[in-house]
Amino acid sequence: GQVLRLPAWIPGSYMVREFARHIVQISASSGKKAVALTKLDK
């Protein structure tokens, strides 16, 4: 099962940014079939 992630911070900006909070909708598929996604952390 593939893990995908956004960083919580970027070099040169040393604050936690939590970019993933801006993802407002997410879905996955393989071929024409929906694939379940499990949120592992923030």
PDB file of all heavy atoms in Angstrom:
ATOM      1  N   GLY A   1       0.848  -1.193   0.000  1.00  0.00           N
ATOM      2  CA  GLY A   1       0.000   0.000   0.000  1.00  0.00           C
ATOM      3  C   GLY A   1       0.876   1.232   0.000  1.00  0.00           C
ATOM      4  O   GLY A   1       1.725   1.399   0.874  1.00  0.00           O
ATOM      5  N   GLN A   2       0.694   2.077  -0.998  1.00  0.00           N
ATOM      6  CA  GLN A   2       1.552   3.250  -1.168  1.00  0.00           C
ATOM      7  C   GLN A   2       1.247   4.328  -0.132  1.00  0.00           C
ATOM      8  O   GLN A   2       0.094   4.683   0.083  1.00  0.00           O
ATOM      9  CB  GLN A   2       1.363   3.832  -2.580  1.00  0.00           C
ATOM     10  CG  GLN A   2       2.286   4.975  -2.895  1.00  0.00           C
ATOM     11  CD  GLN A   2       3.745   4.541  -2.905  1.00  0.00           C
ATOM     12  OE1 GLN A   2       4.127   3.601  -3.578  1.00  0.00           O
ATOM     13  NE2 GLN A   2       4.570   5.236  -2.130  1.00  0.00           N
ATOM     14  N   VAL A   3       2.294   4.858   0.491  1.00  0.00           N
ATOM     15  CA  VAL A   3       2.171   5.980   1.413  1.00  0.00           C
ATOM     16  C   VAL A   3       2.522   7.252   0.642  1.00  0.00           C
ATOM     17  O   VAL A   3       3.520   7.285  -0.091  1.00  0.00           O
ATOM     18  CB  VAL A   3       3.082   5.815   2.647  1.00  0.00           C
ATOM     19  CG1 VAL A   3       3.056   7.068   3.514  1.00  0.00           C
ATOM     20  CG2 VAL A   3       2.668   4.587   3.454  1.00  0.00           C
ATOM     21  N   LEU A   4       1.688   8.283   0.822  1.00  0.00           N
ATOM     22  CA  LEU A   4       1.923   9.594   0.222  1.00  0.00           C
ATOM     23  C   LEU A   4       1.847  10.639   1.309  1.00  0.00           C
ATOM     24  O   LEU A   4       1.043  10.512   2.229  1.00  0.00           O
ATOM     25  CB  LEU A   4       0.877   9.883  -0.857  1.00  0.00           C
ATOM     26  CG  LEU A   4       0.888   8.877  -2.003  1.00  0.00           C
ATOM     27  CD1 LEU A   4      -0.391   8.084  -1.987  1.00  0.00           C
ATOM     28  CD2 LEU A   4       1.084   9.581  -3.313  1.00  0.00           C
ATOM     29  N   ARG A   5       2.675  11.693   1.187  1.00  0.00           N
ATOM     30  CA  ARG A   5       2.704  12.697   2.261  1.00  0.00           C
ATOM     31  C   ARG A   5       3.125  14.058   1.743  1.00  0.00           C
ATOM     32  O   ARG A   5       3.786  14.161   0.724  1.00  0.00           O
ATOM     33  CB  ARG A   5       3.612  12.245   3.386  1.00  0.00           C
ATOM     34  CG  ARG A   5       5.067  12.172   3.037  1.00  0.00           C
ATOM     35  CD  ARG A   5       5.949  11.645   4.182  1.00  0.00           C
ATOM     36  NE  ARG A   5       5.866  10.199   4.287  1.00  0.00           N
ATOM     37  CZ  ARG A   5       5.464   9.550   5.384  1.00  0.00           C
ATOM     38  NH1 ARG A   5       5.124  10.205   6.467  1.00  0.00           N
ATOM     39  NH2 ARG A   5       5.415   8.248   5.409  1.00  0.00           N
ATOM     40  N   LEU A   6       2.732  15.071   2.486  1.00  0.00           N
ATOM     41  CA  LEU A   6       3.230  16.428   2.304  1.00  0.00           C
ATOM     42  C   LEU A   6       4.143  16.726   3.493  1.00  0.00           C
ATOM     43  O   LEU A   6       3.909  16.227   4.594  1.00  0.00           O
ATOM     44  CB  LEU A   6       2.093  17.451   2.290  1.00  0.00           C
ATOM     45  CG  LEU A   6       1.295  17.586   1.011  1.00  0.00           C
ATOM     46  CD1 LEU A   6       0.158  18.581   1.200  1.00  0.00           C
ATOM     47  CD2 LEU A   6       2.164  18.016  -0.153  1.00  0.00           C
ATOM     48  N   PRO A   7       5.156  17.557   3.298  1.00  0.00           N
ATOM     49  CA  PRO A   7       6.016  17.893   4.433  1.00  0.00           C
ATOM     50  C   PRO A   7       5.285  18.785   5.428  1.00  0.00           C
ATOM     51  O   PRO A   7       4.318  19.465   5.083  1.00  0.00           O
ATOM     52  CB  PRO A   7       7.181  18.645   3.782  1.00  0.00           C
ATOM     53  CG  PRO A   7       6.597  19.224   2.547  1.00  0.00           C
ATOM     54  CD  PRO A   7       5.560  18.238   2.068  1.00  0.00           C
ATOM     55  N   ALA A   8       5.747  18.776   6.644  1.00  0.00           N
ATOM     56  CA  ALA A   8       5.194  19.669   7.668  1.00  0.00           C
ATOM     57  C   ALA A   8       5.952  20.994   7.686  1.00  0.00           C
ATOM     58  O   ALA A   8       5.465  21.973   8.233  1.00  0.00           O
ATOM     59  CB  ALA A   8       5.263  19.011   9.040  1.00  0.00           C
ATOM     60  N   TRP A   9       7.136  21.019   7.063  1.00  0.00           N
ATOM     61  CA  TRP A   9       7.935  22.244   7.012  1.00  0.00           C
ATOM     62  C   TRP A   9       8.798  22.189   5.756  1.00  0.00           C
ATOM     63  O   TRP A   9       8.895  21.150   5.112  1.00  0.00           O
ATOM     64  CB  TRP A   9       8.800  22.397   8.249  1.00  0.00           C
ATOM     65  CG  TRP A   9       9.866  21.351   8.375  1.00  0.00           C
ATOM     66  CD1 TRP A   9       9.707  20.090   8.876  1.00  0.00           C
ATOM     67  CD2 TRP A   9      11.221  21.446   7.941  1.00  0.00           C
ATOM     68  NE1 TRP A   9      10.879  19.402   8.800  1.00  0.00           N
ATOM     69  CE2 TRP A   9      11.834  20.210   8.227  1.00  0.00           C
ATOM     70  CE3 TRP A   9      11.976  22.437   7.355  1.00  0.00           C
ATOM     71  CZ2 TRP A   9      13.162  19.952   7.936  1.00  0.00           C
ATOM     72  CZ3 TRP A   9      13.310  22.189   7.065  1.00  0.00           C
ATOM     73  CH2 TRP A   9      13.886  20.948   7.369  1.00  0.00           C
ATOM     74  N   ILE A  10       9.431  23.311   5.409  1.00  0.00           N
ATOM     75  CA  ILE A  10      10.325  23.350   4.256  1.00  0.00           C
ATOM     76  C   ILE A  10      11.634  24.027   4.665  1.00  0.00           C
ATOM     77  O   ILE A  10      11.651  24.860   5.559  1.00  0.00           O
ATOM     78  CB  ILE A  10       9.697  24.082   3.050  1.00  0.00           C
ATOM     79  CG1 ILE A  10       9.304  25.515   3.386  1.00  0.00           C
ATOM     80  CG2 ILE A  10       8.520  23.313   2.514  1.00  0.00           C
ATOM     81  CD1 ILE A  10       8.810  26.330   2.199  1.00  0.00           C
ATOM     82  N   PRO A  11      12.745  23.664   4.024  1.00  0.00           N
ATOM     83  CA  PRO A  11      14.018  24.310   4.339  1.00  0.00           C
ATOM     84  C   PRO A  11      13.922  25.824   4.164  1.00  0.00           C
ATOM     85  O   PRO A  11      13.293  26.317   3.230  1.00  0.00           O
ATOM     86  CB  PRO A  11      14.989  23.694   3.321  1.00  0.00           C
ATOM     87  CG  PRO A  11      14.379  22.368   2.987  1.00  0.00           C
ATOM     88  CD  PRO A  11      12.885  22.604   3.021  1.00  0.00           C
ATOM     89  N   GLY A  12      14.556  26.543   5.053  1.00  0.00           N
ATOM     90  CA  GLY A  12      14.549  27.994   4.999  1.00  0.00           C
ATOM     91  C   GLY A  12      13.370  28.620   5.720  1.00  0.00           C
ATOM     92  O   GLY A  12      13.308  29.827   5.899  1.00  0.00           O
ATOM     93  N   SER A  13      12.429  27.805   6.138  1.00  0.00           N
ATOM     94  CA  SER A  13      11.260  28.289   6.871  1.00  0.00           C
ATOM     95  C   SER A  13      11.079  27.351   8.049  1.00  0.00           C
ATOM     96  O   SER A  13      10.491  26.285   7.911  1.00  0.00           O
ATOM     97  CB  SER A  13      10.024  28.269   5.971  1.00  0.00           C
ATOM     98  OG  SER A  13       8.885  28.696   6.688  1.00  0.00           O
ATOM     99  N   TYR A  14      11.587  27.729   9.172  1.00  0.00           N
ATOM    100  CA  TYR A  14      11.720  26.798  10.275  1.00  0.00           C
ATOM    101  C   TYR A  14      10.544  26.787  11.241  1.00  0.00           C
ATOM    102  O   TYR A  14      10.697  26.572  12.429  1.00  0.00           O
ATOM    103  CB  TYR A  14      13.051  27.045  10.991  1.00  0.00           C
ATOM    104  CG  TYR A  14      14.177  26.828  10.019  1.00  0.00           C
ATOM    105  CD1 TYR A  14      14.846  27.894   9.438  1.00  0.00           C
ATOM    106  CD2 TYR A  14      14.515  25.550   9.624  1.00  0.00           C
ATOM    107  CE1 TYR A  14      15.854  27.680   8.509  1.00  0.00           C
ATOM    108  CE2 TYR A  14      15.515  25.325   8.699  1.00  0.00           C
ATOM    109  CZ  TYR A  14      16.178  26.398   8.148  1.00  0.00           C
ATOM    110  OH  TYR A  14      17.161  26.173   7.223  1.00  0.00           O
ATOM    111  N   MET A  15       9.376  27.014  10.693  1.00  0.00           N
ATOM    112  CA  MET A  15       8.142  26.861  11.466  1.00  0.00           C
ATOM    113  C   MET A  15       7.387  25.666  10.896  1.00  0.00           C
ATOM    114  O   MET A  15       7.493  25.363   9.713  1.00  0.00           O
ATOM    115  CB  MET A  15       7.259  28.106  11.330  1.00  0.00           C
ATOM    116  CG  MET A  15       7.837  29.336  11.995  1.00  0.00           C
ATOM    117  SD  MET A  15       6.797  30.798  11.731  1.00  0.00           S
ATOM    118  CE  MET A  15       5.199  30.244  12.242  1.00  0.00           C
ATOM    119  N   VAL A  16       6.625  24.994  11.716  1.00  0.00           N
ATOM    120  CA  VAL A  16       5.774  23.916  11.227  1.00  0.00           C
ATOM    121  C   VAL A  16       4.654  24.552  10.402  1.00  0.00           C
ATOM    122  O   VAL A  16       3.963  25.451  10.865  1.00  0.00           O
ATOM    123  CB  VAL A  16       5.215  23.079  12.397  1.00  0.00           C
ATOM    124  CG1 VAL A  16       4.213  22.060  11.902  1.00  0.00           C
ATOM    125  CG2 VAL A  16       6.357  22.402  13.142  1.00  0.00           C
ATOM    126  N   ARG A  17       4.498  24.106   9.174  1.00  0.00           N
ATOM    127  CA  ARG A  17       3.539  24.710   8.239  1.00  0.00           C
ATOM    128  C   ARG A  17       2.269  23.883   8.070  1.00  0.00           C
ATOM    129  O   ARG A  17       1.240  24.427   7.726  1.00  0.00           O
ATOM    130  CB  ARG A  17       4.186  24.910   6.869  1.00  0.00           C
ATOM    131  CG  ARG A  17       5.379  25.822   6.901  1.00  0.00           C
ATOM    132  CD  ARG A  17       4.964  27.243   7.113  1.00  0.00           C
ATOM    133  NE  ARG A  17       6.154  28.072   7.329  1.00  0.00           N
ATOM    134  CZ  ARG A  17       6.107  29.296   7.770  1.00  0.00           C
ATOM    135  NH1 ARG A  17       4.959  29.858   8.037  1.00  0.00           N
ATOM    136  NH2 ARG A  17       7.208  29.964   7.940  1.00  0.00           N
ATOM    137  N   GLU A  18       2.357  22.584   8.242  1.00  0.00           N
ATOM    138  CA  GLU A  18       1.194  21.694   8.100  1.00  0.00           C
ATOM    139  C   GLU A  18       0.450  21.936   6.785  1.00  0.00           C
ATOM    140  O   GLU A  18      -0.739  22.218   6.752  1.00  0.00           O
ATOM    141  CB  GLU A  18       0.237  21.843   9.288  1.00  0.00           C
ATOM    142  CG  GLU A  18       0.838  21.502  10.626  1.00  0.00           C
ATOM    143  CD  GLU A  18       1.254  20.055  10.798  1.00  0.00           C
ATOM    144  OE1 GLU A  18       0.946  19.205   9.941  1.00  0.00           O
ATOM    145  OE2 GLU A  18       1.920  19.765  11.793  1.00  0.00           O
ATOM    146  N   PHE A  19       1.159  21.791   5.660  1.00  0.00           N
ATOM    147  CA  PHE A  19       0.557  22.014   4.349  1.00  0.00           C
ATOM    148  C   PHE A  19      -0.644  21.106   4.090  1.00  0.00           C
ATOM    149  O   PHE A  19      -1.571  21.484   3.373  1.00  0.00           O
ATOM    150  CB  PHE A  19       1.600  21.812   3.251  1.00  0.00           C
ATOM    151  CG  PHE A  19       2.725  22.801   3.301  1.00  0.00           C
ATOM    152  CD1 PHE A  19       4.024  22.376   3.529  1.00  0.00           C
ATOM    153  CD2 PHE A  19       2.497  24.148   3.126  1.00  0.00           C
ATOM    154  CE1 PHE A  19       5.071  23.281   3.572  1.00  0.00           C
ATOM    155  CE2 PHE A  19       3.531  25.071   3.164  1.00  0.00           C
ATOM    156  CZ  PHE A  19       4.825  24.631   3.388  1.00  0.00           C
ATOM    157  N   ALA A  20      -0.660  19.923   4.655  1.00  0.00           N
ATOM    158  CA  ALA A  20      -1.742  18.970   4.401  1.00  0.00           C
ATOM    159  C   ALA A  20      -3.094  19.478   4.877  1.00  0.00           C
ATOM    160  O   ALA A  20      -4.133  19.028   4.383  1.00  0.00           O
ATOM    161  CB  ALA A  20      -1.433  17.628   5.053  1.00  0.00           C
ATOM    162  N   ARG A  21      -3.119  20.440   5.775  1.00  0.00           N
ATOM    163  CA  ARG A  21      -4.411  20.969   6.243  1.00  0.00           C
ATOM    164  C   ARG A  21      -5.168  21.681   5.129  1.00  0.00           C
ATOM    165  O   ARG A  21      -6.367  21.911   5.234  1.00  0.00           O
ATOM    166  CB  ARG A  21      -4.223  21.881   7.446  1.00  0.00           C
ATOM    167  CG  ARG A  21      -3.517  23.175   7.157  1.00  0.00           C
ATOM    168  CD  ARG A  21      -3.203  23.944   8.452  1.00  0.00           C
ATOM    169  NE  ARG A  21      -2.216  24.959   8.216  1.00  0.00           N
ATOM    170  CZ  ARG A  21      -2.481  26.243   8.031  1.00  0.00           C
ATOM    171  NH1 ARG A  21      -3.718  26.667   8.095  1.00  0.00           N
ATOM    172  NH2 ARG A  21      -1.512  27.099   7.797  1.00  0.00           N
ATOM    173  N   HIS A  22      -4.474  22.006   4.028  1.00  0.00           N
ATOM    174  CA  HIS A  22      -5.119  22.674   2.903  1.00  0.00           C
ATOM    175  C   HIS A  22      -5.707  21.693   1.884  1.00  0.00           C
ATOM    176  O   HIS A  22      -6.325  22.120   0.914  1.00  0.00           O
ATOM    177  CB  HIS A  22      -4.139  23.624   2.220  1.00  0.00           C
ATOM    178  CG  HIS A  22      -3.667  24.713   3.129  1.00  0.00           C
ATOM    179  ND1 HIS A  22      -4.493  25.686   3.631  1.00  0.00           N
ATOM    180  CD2 HIS A  22      -2.445  24.950   3.657  1.00  0.00           C
ATOM    181  CE1 HIS A  22      -3.803  26.490   4.417  1.00  0.00           C
ATOM    182  NE2 HIS A  22      -2.559  26.058   4.457  1.00  0.00           N
ATOM    183  N   ILE A  23      -5.497  20.399   2.101  1.00  0.00           N
ATOM    184  CA  ILE A  23      -6.145  19.405   1.237  1.00  0.00           C
ATOM    185  C   ILE A  23      -7.578  19.267   1.723  1.00  0.00           C
ATOM    186  O   ILE A  23      -7.821  18.830   2.841  1.00  0.00           O
ATOM    187  CB  ILE A  23      -5.402  18.059   1.263  1.00  0.00           C
ATOM    188  CG1 ILE A  23      -4.028  18.214   0.616  1.00  0.00           C
ATOM    189  CG2 ILE A  23      -6.224  16.989   0.539  1.00  0.00           C
ATOM    190  CD1 ILE A  23      -3.195  16.959   0.583  1.00  0.00           C
ATOM    191  N   VAL A  24      -8.520  19.668   0.869  1.00  0.00           N
ATOM    192  CA  VAL A  24      -9.919  19.701   1.289  1.00  0.00           C
ATOM    193  C   VAL A  24     -10.714  18.491   0.806  1.00  0.00           C
ATOM    194  O   VAL A  24     -11.816  18.239   1.299  1.00  0.00           O
ATOM    195  CB  VAL A  24     -10.615  21.013   0.851  1.00  0.00           C
ATOM    196  CG1 VAL A  24      -9.977  22.200   1.551  1.00  0.00           C
ATOM    197  CG2 VAL A  24     -10.582  21.189  -0.655  1.00  0.00           C
ATOM    198  N   GLN A  25     -10.166  17.757  -0.133  1.00  0.00           N
ATOM    199  CA  GLN A  25     -10.813  16.545  -0.628  1.00  0.00           C
ATOM    200  C   GLN A  25      -9.725  15.672  -1.227  1.00  0.00           C
ATOM    201  O   GLN A  25      -8.810  16.175  -1.872  1.00  0.00           O
ATOM    202  CB  GLN A  25     -11.867  16.913  -1.680  1.00  0.00           C
ATOM    203  CG  GLN A  25     -12.754  15.787  -2.170  1.00  0.00           C
ATOM    204  CD  GLN A  25     -12.100  14.947  -3.272  1.00  0.00           C
ATOM    205  OE1 GLN A  25     -11.251  15.407  -4.022  1.00  0.00           O
ATOM    206  NE2 GLN A  25     -12.484  13.689  -3.341  1.00  0.00           N
ATOM    207  N   ILE A  26      -9.820  14.348  -1.000  1.00  0.00           N
ATOM    208  CA  ILE A  26      -8.825  13.420  -1.541  1.00  0.00           C
ATOM    209  C   ILE A  26      -9.485  12.079  -1.817  1.00  0.00           C
ATOM    210  O   ILE A  26     -10.346  11.626  -1.054  1.00  0.00           O
ATOM    211  CB  ILE A  26      -7.607  13.275  -0.579  1.00  0.00           C
ATOM    212  CG1 ILE A  26      -6.504  12.445  -1.225  1.00  0.00           C
ATOM    213  CG2 ILE A  26      -8.027  12.746   0.778  1.00  0.00           C
ATOM    214  CD1 ILE A  26      -5.162  12.499  -0.483  1.00  0.00           C
ATOM    215  N   SER A  27      -9.112  11.455  -2.938  1.00  0.00           N
ATOM    216  CA  SER A  27      -9.624  10.127  -3.278  1.00  0.00           C
ATOM    217  C   SER A  27      -8.568   9.404  -4.103  1.00  0.00           C
ATOM    218  O   SER A  27      -7.665  10.021  -4.659  1.00  0.00           O
ATOM    219  CB  SER A  27     -10.934  10.222  -4.059  1.00  0.00           C
ATOM    220  OG  SER A  27     -10.726  10.901  -5.292  1.00  0.00           O
ATOM    221  N   ALA A  28      -8.692   8.088  -4.167  1.00  0.00           N
ATOM    222  CA  ALA A  28      -7.734   7.279  -4.912  1.00  0.00           C
ATOM    223  C   ALA A  28      -8.468   6.257  -5.754  1.00  0.00           C
ATOM    224  O   ALA A  28      -9.588   5.842  -5.427  1.00  0.00           O
ATOM    225  CB  ALA A  28      -6.778   6.575  -3.947  1.00  0.00           C
ATOM    226  N   SER A  29      -7.804   5.842  -6.839  1.00  0.00           N
ATOM    227  CA  SER A  29      -8.376   4.820  -7.710  1.00  0.00           C
ATOM    228  C   SER A  29      -7.250   4.045  -8.383  1.00  0.00           C
ATOM    229  O   SER A  29      -6.111   4.499  -8.453  1.00  0.00           O
ATOM    230  CB  SER A  29      -9.296   5.447  -8.765  1.00  0.00           C
ATOM    231  OG  SER A  29      -8.557   6.331  -9.588  1.00  0.00           O
ATOM    232  N   SER A  30      -7.610   2.884  -8.871  1.00  0.00           N
ATOM    233  CA  SER A  30      -6.718   2.071  -9.680  1.00  0.00           C
ATOM    234  C   SER A  30      -7.577   1.504 -10.800  1.00  0.00           C
ATOM    235  O   SER A  30      -8.543   0.786 -10.531  1.00  0.00           O
ATOM    236  CB  SER A  30      -6.095   0.950  -8.855  1.00  0.00           C
ATOM    237  OG  SER A  30      -5.177   0.210  -9.645  1.00  0.00           O
ATOM    238  N   GLY A  31      -7.260   1.870 -12.018  1.00  0.00           N
ATOM    239  CA  GLY A  31      -8.170   1.550 -13.112  1.00  0.00           C
ATOM    240  C   GLY A  31      -9.457   2.317 -12.879  1.00  0.00           C
ATOM    241  O   GLY A  31      -9.441   3.511 -12.600  1.00  0.00           O
ATOM    242  N   LYS A  32     -10.565   1.635 -12.915  1.00  0.00           N
ATOM    243  CA  LYS A  32     -11.866   2.281 -12.664  1.00  0.00           C
ATOM    244  C   LYS A  32     -12.397   1.992 -11.266  1.00  0.00           C
ATOM    245  O   LYS A  32     -13.530   2.326 -10.948  1.00  0.00           O
ATOM    246  CB  LYS A  32     -12.877   1.843 -13.720  1.00  0.00           C
ATOM    247  CG  LYS A  32     -12.517   2.318 -15.105  1.00  0.00           C
ATOM    248  CD  LYS A  32     -13.568   1.965 -16.111  1.00  0.00           C
ATOM    249  CE  LYS A  32     -13.158   2.480 -17.480  1.00  0.00           C
ATOM    250  NZ  LYS A  32     -14.182   2.296 -18.475  1.00  0.00           N
ATOM    251  N   LYS A  33     -11.563   1.387 -10.421  1.00  0.00           N
ATOM    252  CA  LYS A  33     -12.009   1.018  -9.083  1.00  0.00           C
ATOM    253  C   LYS A  33     -11.503   2.003  -8.038  1.00  0.00           C
ATOM    254  O   LYS A  33     -10.336   2.392  -8.050  1.00  0.00           O
ATOM    255  CB  LYS A  33     -11.516  -0.384  -8.719  1.00  0.00           C
ATOM    256  CG  LYS A  33     -12.123  -1.480  -9.562  1.00  0.00           C
ATOM    257  CD  LYS A  33     -11.644  -2.831  -9.097  1.00  0.00           C
ATOM    258  CE  LYS A  33     -12.275  -3.920  -9.953  1.00  0.00           C
ATOM    259  NZ  LYS A  33     -11.833  -5.239  -9.530  1.00  0.00           N
ATOM    260  N   ALA A  34     -12.393   2.374  -7.114  1.00  0.00           N
ATOM    261  CA  ALA A  34     -12.002   3.233  -5.994  1.00  0.00           C
ATOM    262  C   ALA A  34     -11.059   2.455  -5.077  1.00  0.00           C
ATOM    263  O   ALA A  34     -11.188   1.235  -4.917  1.00  0.00           O
ATOM    264  CB  ALA A  34     -13.227   3.683  -5.217  1.00  0.00           C
ATOM    265  N   VAL A  35     -10.119   3.161  -4.496  1.00  0.00           N
ATOM    266  CA  VAL A  35      -9.146   2.570  -3.584  1.00  0.00           C
ATOM    267  C   VAL A  35      -9.253   3.286  -2.243  1.00  0.00           C
ATOM    268  O   VAL A  35      -9.283   4.522  -2.200  1.00  0.00           O
ATOM    269  CB  VAL A  35      -7.708   2.692  -4.145  1.00  0.00           C
ATOM    270  CG1 VAL A  35      -6.667   2.237  -3.133  1.00  0.00           C
ATOM    271  CG2 VAL A  35      -7.574   1.935  -5.454  1.00  0.00           C
ATOM    272  N   ALA A  36      -9.307   2.526  -1.166  1.00  0.00           N
ATOM    273  CA  ALA A  36      -9.405   3.118   0.166  1.00  0.00           C
ATOM    274  C   ALA A  36      -8.109   3.833   0.539  1.00  0.00           C
ATOM    275  O   ALA A  36      -7.013   3.349   0.258  1.00  0.00           O
ATOM    276  CB  ALA A  36      -9.709   2.031   1.198  1.00  0.00           C
ATOM    277  N   LEU A  37      -8.270   4.991   1.160  1.00  0.00           N
ATOM    278  CA  LEU A  37      -7.139   5.745   1.703  1.00  0.00           C
ATOM    279  C   LEU A  37      -7.306   5.821   3.209  1.00  0.00           C
ATOM    280  O   LEU A  37      -8.391   6.122   3.700  1.00  0.00           O
ATOM    281  CB  LEU A  37      -7.121   7.176   1.156  1.00  0.00           C
ATOM    282  CG  LEU A  37      -6.631   7.390  -0.261  1.00  0.00           C
ATOM    283  CD1 LEU A  37      -6.840   8.832  -0.676  1.00  0.00           C
ATOM    284  CD2 LEU A  37      -5.170   6.994  -0.401  1.00  0.00           C
ATOM    285  N   THR A  38      -6.229   5.575   3.924  1.00  0.00           N
ATOM    286  CA  THR A  38      -6.225   5.688   5.381  1.00  0.00           C
ATOM    287  C   THR A  38      -5.307   6.837   5.758  1.00  0.00           C
ATOM    288  O   THR A  38      -4.152   6.882   5.312  1.00  0.00           O
ATOM    289  CB  THR A  38      -5.706   4.385   6.025  1.00  0.00           C
ATOM    290  OG1 THR A  38      -6.539   3.309   5.608  1.00  0.00           O
ATOM    291  CG2 THR A  38      -5.699   4.490   7.541  1.00  0.00           C
ATOM    292  N   LYS A  39      -5.815   7.762   6.557  1.00  0.00           N
ATOM    293  CA  LYS A  39      -4.978   8.871   7.020  1.00  0.00           C
ATOM    294  C   LYS A  39      -4.124   8.357   8.175  1.00  0.00           C
ATOM    295  O   LYS A  39      -4.640   7.881   9.175  1.00  0.00           O
ATOM    296  CB  LYS A  39      -5.834  10.061   7.448  1.00  0.00           C
ATOM    297  CG  LYS A  39      -5.004  11.295   7.671  1.00  0.00           C
ATOM    298  CD  LYS A  39      -5.805  12.558   7.540  1.00  0.00           C
ATOM    299  CE  LYS A  39      -4.830  13.717   7.617  1.00  0.00           C
ATOM    300  NZ  LYS A  39      -5.422  14.984   7.424  1.00  0.00           N
ATOM    301  N   LEU A  40      -2.812   8.427   8.014  1.00  0.00           N
ATOM    302  CA  LEU A  40      -1.886   7.898   9.014  1.00  0.00           C
ATOM    303  C   LEU A  40      -1.565   8.907  10.107  1.00  0.00           C
ATOM    304  O   LEU A  40      -1.337   8.535  11.251  1.00  0.00           O
ATOM    305  CB  LEU A  40      -0.588   7.450   8.338  1.00  0.00           C
ATOM    306  CG  LEU A  40      -0.730   6.372   7.263  1.00  0.00           C
ATOM    307  CD1 LEU A  40       0.622   6.099   6.613  1.00  0.00           C
ATOM    308  CD2 LEU A  40      -1.329   5.097   7.849  1.00  0.00           C
ATOM    309  N   ASP A  41      -1.486  10.166   9.733  1.00  0.00           N
ATOM    310  CA  ASP A  41      -1.201  11.246  10.667  1.00  0.00           C
ATOM    311  C   ASP A  41      -1.623  12.549  10.002  1.00  0.00           C
ATOM    312  O   ASP A  41      -2.337  12.513   9.005  1.00  0.00           O
ATOM    313  CB  ASP A  41       0.275  11.260  11.105  1.00  0.00           C
ATOM    314  CG  ASP A  41       1.241  11.298   9.936  1.00  0.00           C
ATOM    315  OD1 ASP A  41       0.913  11.925   8.900  1.00  0.00           O
ATOM    316  OD2 ASP A  41       2.331  10.719  10.040  1.00  0.00           O
ATOM    317  N   LYS A  42      -1.188  13.683  10.514  1.00  0.00           N
ATOM    318  CA  LYS A  42      -1.639  14.975   9.980  1.00  0.00           C
ATOM    319  C   LYS A  42      -1.293  15.203   8.515  1.00  0.00           C
ATOM    320  O   LYS A  42      -1.952  15.969   7.837  1.00  0.00           O
ATOM    321  CB  LYS A  42      -1.027  16.131  10.787  1.00  0.00           C
ATOM    322  CG  LYS A  42      -1.596  16.305  12.154  1.00  0.00           C
ATOM    323  CD  LYS A  42      -0.939  17.503  12.800  1.00  0.00           C
ATOM    324  CE  LYS A  42      -1.461  17.750  14.184  1.00  0.00           C
ATOM    325  NZ  LYS A  42      -0.828  18.928  14.792  1.00  0.00           N
TER     326      LYS A  42
END
